PDB file of N, CA and C in Angstrom:
ATOM      1  N   MET A   1      86.730 117.464 102.797  1.00  0.00           N
ATOM      2  CA  MET A   1      86.171 117.014 101.539  1.00  0.00           C
ATOM      3  C   MET A   1      86.133 115.496 101.526  1.00  0.00           C
ATOM      4  N   LYS A   2      84.965 114.914 101.367  1.00  0.00           N
ATOM      5  CA  LYS A   2      84.796 113.467 101.306  1.00  0.00           C
ATOM      6  C   LYS A   2      85.305 112.946  99.974  1.00  0.00           C
ATOM      7  N   GLN A   3      86.132 111.921 100.044  1.00  0.00           N
ATOM      8  CA  GLN A   3      86.693 111.330  98.844  1.00  0.00           C
ATOM      9  C   GLN A   3      86.139 109.932  98.665  1.00  0.00           C
ATOM     10  N   ASN A   4      86.033 109.500  97.421  1.00  0.00           N
ATOM     11  CA  ASN A   4      85.537 108.175  97.122  1.00  0.00           C
ATOM     12  C   ASN A   4      86.677 107.171  97.269  1.00  0.00           C
ATOM     13  N   VAL A   5      86.777 106.558  98.453  1.00  0.00           N
ATOM     14  CA  VAL A   5      87.838 105.614  98.754  1.00  0.00           C
ATOM     15  C   VAL A   5      87.338 104.203  98.466  1.00  0.00           C
ATOM     16  N   ILE A   6      88.106 103.480  97.690  1.00  0.00           N
ATOM     17  CA  ILE A   6      87.806 102.085  97.384  1.00  0.00           C
ATOM     18  C   ILE A   6      88.888 101.232  98.035  1.00  0.00           C
ATOM     19  N   ILE A   7      88.481 100.167  98.722  1.00  0.00           N
ATOM     20  CA  ILE A   7      89.428  99.236  99.320  1.00  0.00           C
ATOM     21  C   ILE A   7      89.503  98.014  98.407  1.00  0.00           C
ATOM     22  N   ARG A   8      90.734  97.610  98.091  1.00  0.00           N
ATOM     23  CA  ARG A   8      90.898  96.407  97.270  1.00  0.00           C
ATOM     24  C   ARG A   8      91.947  95.500  97.888  1.00  0.00           C
ATOM     25  N   VAL A   9      91.846  94.233  97.563  1.00  0.00           N
ATOM     26  CA  VAL A   9      92.769  93.225  98.069  1.00  0.00           C
ATOM     27  C   VAL A   9      94.099  93.327  97.330  1.00  0.00           C
ATOM     28  N   ALA A  10      95.176  93.194  98.058  1.00  0.00           N
ATOM     29  CA  ALA A  10      96.510  93.156  97.456  1.00  0.00           C
ATOM     30  C   ALA A  10      96.757  91.759  96.895  1.00  0.00           C
ATOM     31  N   THR A  11      97.426  91.699  95.764  1.00  0.00           N
ATOM     32  CA  THR A  11      97.764  90.432  95.130  1.00  0.00           C
ATOM     33  C   THR A  11      99.278  90.346  94.948  1.00  0.00           C
ATOM     34  N   ALA A  12      99.734  89.230  94.435  1.00  0.00           N
ATOM     35  CA  ALA A  12     101.168  89.064  94.170  1.00  0.00           C
ATOM     36  C   ALA A  12     101.668  90.112  93.181  1.00  0.00           C
ATOM     37  N   ASP A  13     100.786  90.634  92.334  1.00  0.00           N
ATOM     38  CA  ASP A  13     101.181  91.703  91.411  1.00  0.00           C
ATOM     39  C   ASP A  13     101.522  93.000  92.136  1.00  0.00           C
ATOM     40  N   ASP A  14     101.145  93.107  93.407  1.00  0.00           N
ATOM     41  CA  ASP A  14     101.363  94.321  94.199  1.00  0.00           C
ATOM     42  C   ASP A  14     102.606  94.257  95.085  1.00  0.00           C
ATOM     43  N   ILE A  15     103.422  93.240  94.928  1.00  0.00           N
ATOM     44  CA  ILE A  15     104.576  93.089  95.825  1.00  0.00           C
ATOM     45  C   ILE A  15     105.456  94.334  95.824  1.00  0.00           C
ATOM     46  N   SER A  16     105.709  94.921  94.670  1.00  0.00           N
ATOM     47  CA  SER A  16     106.558  96.122  94.636  1.00  0.00           C
ATOM     48  C   SER A  16     105.948  97.259  95.440  1.00  0.00           C
ATOM     49  N   GLU A  17     104.640  97.441  95.371  1.00  0.00           N
ATOM     50  CA  GLU A  17     103.967  98.489  96.142  1.00  0.00           C
ATOM     51  C   GLU A  17     104.020  98.180  97.639  1.00  0.00           C
ATOM     52  N   ILE A  18     103.806  96.928  98.013  1.00  0.00           N
ATOM     53  CA  ILE A  18     103.887  96.535  99.421  1.00  0.00           C
ATOM     54  C   ILE A  18     105.283  96.836  99.964  1.00  0.00           C
ATOM     55  N   LEU A  19     106.288  96.491  99.185  1.00  0.00           N
ATOM     56  CA  LEU A  19     107.669  96.729  99.615  1.00  0.00           C
ATOM     57  C   LEU A  19     108.001  98.216  99.676  1.00  0.00           C
ATOM     58  N   GLN A  20     107.469  98.987  98.752  1.00  0.00           N
ATOM     59  CA  GLN A  20     107.678 100.440  98.783  1.00  0.00           C
ATOM     60  C   GLN A  20     107.101 101.031 100.064  1.00  0.00           C
ATOM     61  N   GLN A  21     105.872 100.636 100.392  1.00  0.00           N
ATOM     62  CA  GLN A  21     105.256 101.153 101.611  1.00  0.00           C
ATOM     63  C   GLN A  21     106.030 100.691 102.845  1.00  0.00           C
ATOM     64  N   ARG A  22     106.462  99.435 102.850  1.00  0.00           N
ATOM     65  CA  ARG A  22     107.221  98.921 103.992  1.00  0.00           C
ATOM     66  C   ARG A  22     108.524  99.707 104.169  1.00  0.00           C
ATOM     67  N   LYS A  23     109.186  99.991 103.080  1.00  0.00           N
ATOM     68  CA  LYS A  23     110.421 100.783 103.121  1.00  0.00           C
ATOM     69  C   LYS A  23     110.142 102.189 103.671  1.00  0.00           C
ATOM     70  N   LEU A  24     109.063 102.801 103.215  1.00  0.00           N
ATOM     71  CA  LEU A  24     108.721 104.144 103.683  1.00  0.00           C
ATOM     72  C   LEU A  24     108.368 104.165 105.170  1.00  0.00           C
ATOM     73  N   ILE A  25     107.744 103.100 105.649  1.00  0.00           N
ATOM     74  CA  ILE A  25     107.441 103.006 107.083  1.00  0.00           C
ATOM     75  C   ILE A  25     108.732 103.130 107.884  1.00  0.00           C
ATOM     76  N   TYR A  26     109.740 102.365 107.498  1.00  0.00           N
ATOM     77  CA  TYR A  26     111.005 102.387 108.230  1.00  0.00           C
ATOM     78  C   TYR A  26     111.734 103.715 108.061  1.00  0.00           C
ATOM     79  N   GLU A  27     111.679 104.296 106.886  1.00  0.00           N
ATOM     80  CA  GLU A  27     112.297 105.616 106.699  1.00  0.00           C
ATOM     81  C   GLU A  27     111.618 106.652 107.581  1.00  0.00           C
ATOM     82  N   ASP A  28     110.281 106.611 107.651  1.00  0.00           N
ATOM     83  CA  ASP A  28     109.549 107.558 108.497  1.00  0.00           C
ATOM     84  C   ASP A  28     109.898 107.397 109.972  1.00  0.00           C
ATOM     85  N   MET A  29     110.291 106.181 110.380  1.00  0.00           N
ATOM     86  CA  MET A  29     110.680 105.938 111.769  1.00  0.00           C
ATOM     87  C   MET A  29     112.149 106.281 112.022  1.00  0.00           C
ATOM     88  N   GLY A  30     112.840 106.751 110.972  1.00  0.00           N
ATOM     89  CA  GLY A  30     114.247 107.095 111.118  1.00  0.00           C
ATOM     90  C   GLY A  30     115.170 105.896 111.041  1.00  0.00           C
ATOM     91  N   LEU A  31     114.682 104.808 110.482  1.00  0.00           N
ATOM     92  CA  LEU A  31     115.471 103.582 110.357  1.00  0.00           C
ATOM     93  C   LEU A  31     115.766 103.316 108.884  1.00  0.00           C
ATOM     94  N   GLY A  32     116.233 104.340 108.192  1.00  0.00           N
ATOM     95  CA  GLY A  32     116.380 104.272 106.746  1.00  0.00           C
ATOM     96  C   GLY A  32     117.785 104.050 106.238  1.00  0.00           C
ATOM     97  N   GLU A  33     118.591 103.263 106.946  1.00  0.00           N
ATOM     98  CA  GLU A  33     119.928 102.975 106.457  1.00  0.00           C
ATOM     99  C   GLU A  33     119.812 102.197 105.150  1.00  0.00           C
ATOM    100  N   PRO A  34     120.398 102.701 104.066  1.00  0.00           N
ATOM    101  CA  PRO A  34     120.204 102.097 102.742  1.00  0.00           C
ATOM    102  C   PRO A  34     120.519 100.605 102.667  1.00  0.00           C
ATOM    103  N   GLU A  35     121.601 100.172 103.279  1.00  0.00           N
ATOM    104  CA  GLU A  35     121.958  98.750 103.204  1.00  0.00           C
ATOM    105  C   GLU A  35     120.918  97.869 103.898  1.00  0.00           C
ATOM    106  N   ALA A  36     120.475  98.282 105.068  1.00  0.00           N
ATOM    107  CA  ALA A  36     119.468  97.517 105.808  1.00  0.00           C
ATOM    108  C   ALA A  36     118.139  97.503 105.053  1.00  0.00           C
ATOM    109  N   LEU A  37     117.750  98.643 104.486  1.00  0.00           N
ATOM    110  CA  LEU A  37     116.505  98.701 103.720  1.00  0.00           C
ATOM    111  C   LEU A  37     116.578  97.802 102.490  1.00  0.00           C
ATOM    112  N   SER A  38     117.703  97.813 101.813  1.00  0.00           N
ATOM    113  CA  SER A  38     117.876  96.976 100.629  1.00  0.00           C
ATOM    114  C   SER A  38     117.765  95.498 100.989  1.00  0.00           C
ATOM    115  N   ARG A  39     118.384  95.111 102.079  1.00  0.00           N
ATOM    116  CA  ARG A  39     118.321  93.723 102.537  1.00  0.00           C
ATOM    117  C   ARG A  39     116.884  93.345 102.901  1.00  0.00           C
ATOM    118  N   MET A  40     116.188  94.251 103.602  1.00  0.00           N
ATOM    119  CA  MET A  40     114.801  93.986 103.988  1.00  0.00           C
ATOM    120  C   MET A  40     113.923  93.800 102.757  1.00  0.00           C
ATOM    121  N   VAL A  41     114.081  94.679 101.777  1.00  0.00           N
ATOM    122  CA  VAL A  41     113.277  94.588 100.557  1.00  0.00           C
ATOM    123  C   VAL A  41     113.551  93.269  99.843  1.00  0.00           C
ATOM    124  N   SER A  42     114.806  92.892  99.746  1.00  0.00           N
ATOM    125  CA  SER A  42     115.169  91.663  99.050  1.00  0.00           C
ATOM    126  C   SER A  42     114.583  90.424  99.724  1.00  0.00           C
ATOM    127  N   THR A  43     114.777  90.302 101.024  1.00  0.00           N
ATOM    128  CA  THR A  43     114.266  89.119 101.716  1.00  0.00           C
ATOM    129  C   THR A  43     112.746  89.139 101.818  1.00  0.00           C
ATOM    130  N   SER A  44     112.157  90.314 101.952  1.00  0.00           N
ATOM    131  CA  SER A  44     110.701  90.409 102.018  1.00  0.00           C
ATOM    132  C   SER A  44     110.060  90.067 100.676  1.00  0.00           C
ATOM    133  N   ARG A  45     110.715  90.427  99.576  1.00  0.00           N
ATOM    134  CA  ARG A  45     110.189  90.089  98.250  1.00  0.00           C
ATOM    135  C   ARG A  45     110.068  88.572  98.111  1.00  0.00           C
ATOM    136  N   GLU A  46     111.111  87.873  98.522  1.00  0.00           N
ATOM    137  CA  GLU A  46     111.099  86.411  98.468  1.00  0.00           C
ATOM    138  C   GLU A  46     109.972  85.852  99.342  1.00  0.00           C
ATOM    139  N   TYR A  47     109.856  86.368 100.562  1.00  0.00           N
ATOM    140  CA  TYR A  47     108.802  85.923 101.475  1.00  0.00           C
ATOM    141  C   TYR A  47     107.414  86.167 100.882  1.00  0.00           C
ATOM    142  N   LEU A  48     107.171  87.387 100.402  1.00  0.00           N
ATOM    143  CA  LEU A  48     105.848  87.739  99.872  1.00  0.00           C
ATOM    144  C   LEU A  48     105.471  86.921  98.646  1.00  0.00           C
ATOM    145  N   SER A  49     106.451  86.570  97.825  1.00  0.00           N
ATOM    146  CA  SER A  49     106.145  85.798  96.615  1.00  0.00           C
ATOM    147  C   SER A  49     105.570  84.430  96.961  1.00  0.00           C
ATOM    148  N   GLN A  50     105.817  83.951  98.170  1.00  0.00           N
ATOM    149  CA  GLN A  50     105.237  82.689  98.619  1.00  0.00           C
ATOM    150  C   GLN A  50     104.038  82.909  99.543  1.00  0.00           C
ATOM    151  N   ALA A  51     104.127  83.905 100.407  1.00  0.00           N
ATOM    152  CA  ALA A  51     103.097  84.110 101.437  1.00  0.00           C
ATOM    153  C   ALA A  51     101.785  84.638 100.879  1.00  0.00           C
ATOM    154  N   ILE A  52     101.839  85.492  99.854  1.00  0.00           N
ATOM    155  CA  ILE A  52     100.585  86.017  99.296  1.00  0.00           C
ATOM    156  C   ILE A  52      99.789  84.901  98.625  1.00  0.00           C
ATOM    157  N   PRO A  53     100.375  84.159  97.678  1.00  0.00           N
ATOM    158  CA  PRO A  53      99.598  83.072  97.071  1.00  0.00           C
ATOM    159  C   PRO A  53      99.190  81.995  98.082  1.00  0.00           C
ATOM    160  N   GLY A  54     100.032  81.776  99.109  1.00  0.00           N
ATOM    161  CA  GLY A  54      99.725  80.775 100.124  1.00  0.00           C
ATOM    162  C   GLY A  54      98.685  81.211 101.141  1.00  0.00           C
ATOM    163  N   GLY A  55      98.367  82.510 101.167  1.00  0.00           N
ATOM    164  CA  GLY A  55      97.332  83.026 102.056  1.00  0.00           C
ATOM    165  C   GLY A  55      97.785  83.394 103.454  1.00  0.00           C
ATOM    166  N   SER A  56      99.074  83.286 103.763  1.00  0.00           N
ATOM    167  CA  SER A  56      99.511  83.657 105.117  1.00  0.00           C
ATOM    168  C   SER A  56      99.785  85.153 105.249  1.00  0.00           C
ATOM    169  N   PHE A  57      99.905  85.862 104.126  1.00  0.00           N
ATOM    170  CA  PHE A  57     100.005  87.324 104.115  1.00  0.00           C
ATOM    171  C   PHE A  57      98.802  87.839 103.354  1.00  0.00           C
ATOM    172  N   ARG A  58      98.024  88.676 103.996  1.00  0.00           N
ATOM    173  CA  ARG A  58      96.835  89.249 103.354  1.00  0.00           C
ATOM    174  C   ARG A  58      96.884  90.764 103.497  1.00  0.00           C
ATOM    175  N   GLY A  59      96.816  91.439 102.368  1.00  0.00           N
ATOM    176  CA  GLY A  59      96.917  92.886 102.375  1.00  0.00           C
ATOM    177  C   GLY A  59      95.766  93.544 101.650  1.00  0.00           C
ATOM    178  N   TRP A  60      95.590  94.835 101.948  1.00  0.00           N
ATOM    179  CA  TRP A  60      94.549  95.641 101.330  1.00  0.00           C
ATOM    180  C   TRP A  60      95.106  97.020 101.048  1.00  0.00           C
ATOM    181  N   PHE A  61      94.575  97.630 100.008  1.00  0.00           N
ATOM    182  CA  PHE A  61      94.953  98.998  99.663  1.00  0.00           C
ATOM    183  C   PHE A  61      93.718  99.872  99.633  1.00  0.00           C
ATOM    184  N   ALA A  62      93.876 101.103 100.116  1.00  0.00           N
ATOM    185  CA  ALA A  62      92.865 102.134  99.929  1.00  0.00           C
ATOM    186  C   ALA A  62      93.262 102.886  98.661  1.00  0.00           C
ATOM    187  N   THR A  63      92.312 103.059  97.764  1.00  0.00           N
ATOM    188  CA  THR A  63      92.579 103.757  96.511  1.00  0.00           C
ATOM    189  C   THR A  63      91.596 104.903  96.329  1.00  0.00           C
ATOM    190  N   ILE A  64      92.062 105.926  95.674  1.00  0.00           N
ATOM    191  CA  ILE A  64      91.217 107.051  95.258  1.00  0.00           C
ATOM    192  C   ILE A  64      91.484 107.249  93.777  1.00  0.00           C
ATOM    193  N   GLU A  65      90.451 107.151  92.986  1.00  0.00           N
ATOM    194  CA  GLU A  65      90.579 107.274  91.527  1.00  0.00           C
ATOM    195  C   GLU A  65      91.680 106.346  91.007  1.00  0.00           C
ATOM    196  N   ASN A  66      91.666 105.093  91.462  1.00  0.00           N
ATOM    197  CA  ASN A  66      92.609 104.041  91.067  1.00  0.00           C
ATOM    198  C   ASN A  66      94.051 104.289  91.487  1.00  0.00           C
ATOM    199  N   LYS A  67      94.289 105.268  92.355  1.00  0.00           N
ATOM    200  CA  LYS A  67      95.631 105.540  92.875  1.00  0.00           C
ATOM    201  C   LYS A  67      95.711 104.991  94.294  1.00  0.00           C
ATOM    202  N   ILE A  68      96.741 104.196  94.564  1.00  0.00           N
ATOM    203  CA  ILE A  68      96.928 103.658  95.913  1.00  0.00           C
ATOM    204  C   ILE A  68      97.367 104.793  96.829  1.00  0.00           C
ATOM    205  N   VAL A  69      96.618 104.987  97.911  1.00  0.00           N
ATOM    206  CA  VAL A  69      96.918 106.063  98.851  1.00  0.00           C
ATOM    207  C   VAL A  69      97.290 105.548 100.239  1.00  0.00           C
ATOM    208  N   ALA A  70      96.975 104.282 100.507  1.00  0.00           N
ATOM    209  CA  ALA A  70      97.278 103.695 101.814  1.00  0.00           C
ATOM    210  C   ALA A  70      97.223 102.179 101.701  1.00  0.00           C
ATOM    211  N   GLY A  71      97.784 101.521 102.694  1.00  0.00           N
ATOM    212  CA  GLY A  71      97.751 100.064 102.699  1.00  0.00           C
ATOM    213  C   GLY A  71      97.877  99.524 104.109  1.00  0.00           C
ATOM    214  N   GLY A  72      97.570  98.268 104.221  1.00  0.00           N
ATOM    215  CA  GLY A  72      97.712  97.569 105.489  1.00  0.00           C
ATOM    216  C   GLY A  72      97.652  96.077 105.236  1.00  0.00           C
ATOM    217  N   ALA A  73      98.128  95.298 106.197  1.00  0.00           N
ATOM    218  CA  ALA A  73      98.164  93.852 106.002  1.00  0.00           C
ATOM    219  C   ALA A  73      98.114  93.130 107.335  1.00  0.00           C
ATOM    220  N   VAL A  74      97.853  91.852 107.251  1.00  0.00           N
ATOM    221  CA  VAL A  74      97.986  90.951 108.387  1.00  0.00           C
ATOM    222  C   VAL A  74      98.769  89.732 107.919  1.00  0.00           C
ATOM    223  N   ILE A  75      99.488  89.132 108.846  1.00  0.00           N
ATOM    224  CA  ILE A  75     100.080  87.836 108.582  1.00  0.00           C
ATOM    225  C   ILE A  75      99.393  86.845 109.512  1.00  0.00           C
ATOM    226  N   LEU A  76      99.090  85.690 108.975  1.00  0.00           N
ATOM    227  CA  LEU A  76      98.484  84.618 109.758  1.00  0.00           C
ATOM    228  C   LEU A  76      99.582  83.634 110.106  1.00  0.00           C
ATOM    229  N   VAL A  77      99.787  83.430 111.394  1.00  0.00           N
ATOM    230  CA  VAL A  77     100.879  82.576 111.846  1.00  0.00           C
ATOM    231  C   VAL A  77     100.329  81.441 112.706  1.00  0.00           C
ATOM    232  N   PRO A  78     100.982  80.296 112.657  1.00  0.00           N
ATOM    233  CA  PRO A  78     100.563  79.193 113.532  1.00  0.00           C
ATOM    234  C   PRO A  78     100.666  79.614 114.994  1.00  0.00           C
ATOM    235  N   TRP A  79      99.697  79.180 115.774  1.00  0.00           N
ATOM    236  CA  TRP A  79      99.655  79.557 117.189  1.00  0.00           C
ATOM    237  C   TRP A  79      98.810  78.528 117.918  1.00  0.00           C
ATOM    238  N   PRO A  80      99.184  78.131 119.107  1.00  0.00           N
ATOM    239  CA  PRO A  80      98.360  77.160 119.837  1.00  0.00           C
ATOM    240  C   PRO A  80      96.964  77.717 120.104  1.00  0.00           C
ATOM    241  N   SER A  81      95.976  76.850 120.046  1.00  0.00           N
ATOM    242  CA  SER A  81      94.612  77.301 120.319  1.00  0.00           C
ATOM    243  C   SER A  81      94.451  77.626 121.801  1.00  0.00           C
ATOM    244  N   HIS A  82      93.335  78.287 122.107  1.00  0.00           N
ATOM    245  CA  HIS A  82      93.000  78.670 123.481  1.00  0.00           C
ATOM    246  C   HIS A  82      91.696  77.986 123.869  1.00  0.00           C
ATOM    247  N   THR A  83      91.346  78.071 125.115  1.00  0.00           N
ATOM    248  CA  THR A  83      90.068  77.506 125.549  1.00  0.00           C
ATOM    249  C   THR A  83      88.895  78.264 124.937  1.00  0.00           C
ATOM    250  N   TYR A  84      89.113  79.512 124.563  1.00  0.00           N
ATOM    251  CA  TYR A  84      88.062  80.353 123.993  1.00  0.00           C
ATOM    252  C   TYR A  84      88.184  80.513 122.478  1.00  0.00           C
ATOM    253  N   ASP A  85      89.184  79.885 121.876  1.00  0.00           N
ATOM    254  CA  ASP A  85      89.389  80.005 120.434  1.00  0.00           C
ATOM    255  C   ASP A  85      90.080  78.741 119.951  1.00  0.00           C
ATOM    256  N   GLY A  86      89.377  77.918 119.193  1.00  0.00           N
ATOM    257  CA  GLY A  86      89.898  76.643 118.737  1.00  0.00           C
ATOM    258  C   GLY A  86      90.794  76.719 117.513  1.00  0.00           C
ATOM    259  N   GLU A  87      90.978  77.915 116.951  1.00  0.00           N
ATOM    260  CA  GLU A  87      91.840  78.058 115.775  1.00  0.00           C
ATOM    261  C   GLU A  87      93.307  78.019 116.198  1.00  0.00           C
ATOM    262  N   CYS A  88      94.111  77.355 115.420  1.00  0.00           N
ATOM    263  CA  CYS A  88      95.547  77.293 115.707  1.00  0.00           C
ATOM    264  C   CYS A  88      96.294  78.278 114.810  1.00  0.00           C
ATOM    265  N   ARG A  89      95.881  79.512 114.897  1.00  0.00           N
ATOM    266  CA  ARG A  89      96.565  80.576 114.156  1.00  0.00           C
ATOM    267  C   ARG A  89      96.264  81.903 114.830  1.00  0.00           C
ATOM    268  N   ARG A  90      97.067  82.876 114.497  1.00  0.00           N
ATOM    269  CA  ARG A  90      96.892  84.225 115.030  1.00  0.00           C
ATOM    270  C   ARG A  90      97.215  85.210 113.921  1.00  0.00           C
ATOM    271  N   ALA A  91      96.504  86.312 113.903  1.00  0.00           N
ATOM    272  CA  ALA A  91      96.765  87.363 112.917  1.00  0.00           C
ATOM    273  C   ALA A  91      97.533  88.494 113.583  1.00  0.00           C
ATOM    274  N   ASN A  92      98.595  88.947 112.918  1.00  0.00           N
ATOM    275  CA  ASN A  92      99.358  90.103 113.370  1.00  0.00           C
ATOM    276  C   ASN A  92      99.228  91.202 112.330  1.00  0.00           C
ATOM    277  N   ILE A  93      98.902  92.392 112.785  1.00  0.00           N
ATOM    278  CA  ILE A  93      98.737  93.538 111.889  1.00  0.00           C
ATOM    279  C   ILE A  93     100.106  94.132 111.594  1.00  0.00           C
ATOM    280  N   LEU A  94     100.337  94.479 110.321  1.00  0.00           N
ATOM    281  CA  LEU A  94     101.578  95.127 109.935  1.00  0.00           C
ATOM    282  C   LEU A  94     101.371  95.922 108.656  1.00  0.00           C
ATOM    283  N   ASN A  95     102.404  96.651 108.275  1.00  0.00           N
ATOM    284  CA  ASN A  95     102.417  97.409 107.018  1.00  0.00           C
ATOM    285  C   ASN A  95     101.286  98.424 106.917  1.00  0.00           C
ATOM    286  N   VAL A  96     100.912  99.058 107.994  1.00  0.00           N
ATOM    287  CA  VAL A  96      99.878 100.100 107.929  1.00  0.00           C
ATOM    288  C   VAL A  96     100.567 101.398 107.534  1.00  0.00           C
ATOM    289  N   TYR A  97     100.208 101.917 106.367  1.00  0.00           N
ATOM    290  CA  TYR A  97     100.885 103.104 105.843  1.00  0.00           C
ATOM    291  C   TYR A  97      99.932 103.926 104.990  1.00  0.00           C
ATOM    292  N   THR A  98     100.017 105.246 105.142  1.00  0.00           N
ATOM    293  CA  THR A  98      99.296 106.193 104.287  1.00  0.00           C
ATOM    294  C   THR A  98     100.315 107.174 103.728  1.00  0.00           C
ATOM    295  N   TYR A  99     100.271 107.387 102.423  1.00  0.00           N
ATOM    296  CA  TYR A  99     101.180 108.361 101.819  1.00  0.00           C
ATOM    297  C   TYR A  99     100.912 109.734 102.434  1.00  0.00           C
ATOM    298  N   PRO A 100     101.979 110.500 102.717  1.00  0.00           N
ATOM    299  CA  PRO A 100     101.844 111.769 103.454  1.00  0.00           C
ATOM    300  C   PRO A 100     100.790 112.719 102.902  1.00  0.00           C
ATOM    301  N   GLU A 101     100.685 112.833 101.603  1.00  0.00           N
ATOM    302  CA  GLU A 101      99.731 113.784 101.023  1.00  0.00           C
ATOM    303  C   GLU A 101      98.269 113.365 101.216  1.00  0.00           C
ATOM    304  N   PHE A 102      98.041 112.141 101.716  1.00  0.00           N
ATOM    305  CA  PHE A 102      96.678 111.672 101.938  1.00  0.00           C
ATOM    306  C   PHE A 102      96.358 111.474 103.417  1.00  0.00           C
ATOM    307  N   ARG A 103      97.274 111.842 104.280  1.00  0.00           N
ATOM    308  CA  ARG A 103      97.052 111.707 105.717  1.00  0.00           C
ATOM    309  C   ARG A 103      96.085 112.781 106.207  1.00  0.00           C
ATOM    310  N   ARG A 104      95.381 112.444 107.293  1.00  0.00           N
ATOM    311  CA  ARG A 104      94.457 113.362 107.967  1.00  0.00           C
ATOM    312  C   ARG A 104      93.304 113.793 107.068  1.00  0.00           C
ATOM    313  N   ARG A 105      92.873 112.880 106.212  1.00  0.00           N
ATOM    314  CA  ARG A 105      91.737 113.143 105.308  1.00  0.00           C
ATOM    315  C   ARG A 105      90.568 112.189 105.590  1.00  0.00           C
ATOM    316  N   GLY A 106      90.662 111.413 106.653  1.00  0.00           N
ATOM    317  CA  GLY A 106      89.570 110.501 107.004  1.00  0.00           C
ATOM    318  C   GLY A 106      89.533 109.219 106.209  1.00  0.00           C
ATOM    319  N   ILE A 107      90.621 108.875 105.546  1.00  0.00           N
ATOM    320  CA  ILE A 107      90.642 107.664 104.728  1.00  0.00           C
ATOM    321  C   ILE A 107      90.407 106.430 105.599  1.00  0.00           C
ATOM    322  N   ALA A 108      90.984 106.379 106.776  1.00  0.00           N
ATOM    323  CA  ALA A 108      90.812 105.219 107.662  1.00  0.00           C
ATOM    324  C   ALA A 108      89.365 105.049 108.095  1.00  0.00           C
ATOM    325  N   ALA A 109      88.595 106.110 108.088  1.00  0.00           N
ATOM    326  CA  ALA A 109      87.189 106.028 108.483  1.00  0.00           C
ATOM    327  C   ALA A 109      86.290 105.588 107.348  1.00  0.00           C
ATOM    328  N   SER A 110      86.830 105.489 106.154  1.00  0.00           N
ATOM    329  CA  SER A 110      86.023 105.137 104.974  1.00  0.00           C
ATOM    330  C   SER A 110      85.633 103.677 104.978  1.00  0.00           C
TER     331      SER A 110
END
């Protein structure tokens, strides 16, 4: 069944959702020790509160009927330029997550 998936940009107002998805990623990998997760959420909240407005963290959410069903992000980090790329930055992909009930529905292909 084809669903109407809308992609929207994550903002600083979405920090709690970003952190929830990040926490679930680690739990799904079996790395869900409560103390470590709590520490990660705390330090990541501080980081995101600066990185999102500063533009070094850029995230997107897939939504269906205004409900967030998946997310993903990149961080832009300083990096020496190359002979084939004069930009002094690099993007790293992270925080790719789909809530279990929305997996295997073709959302990534939307």
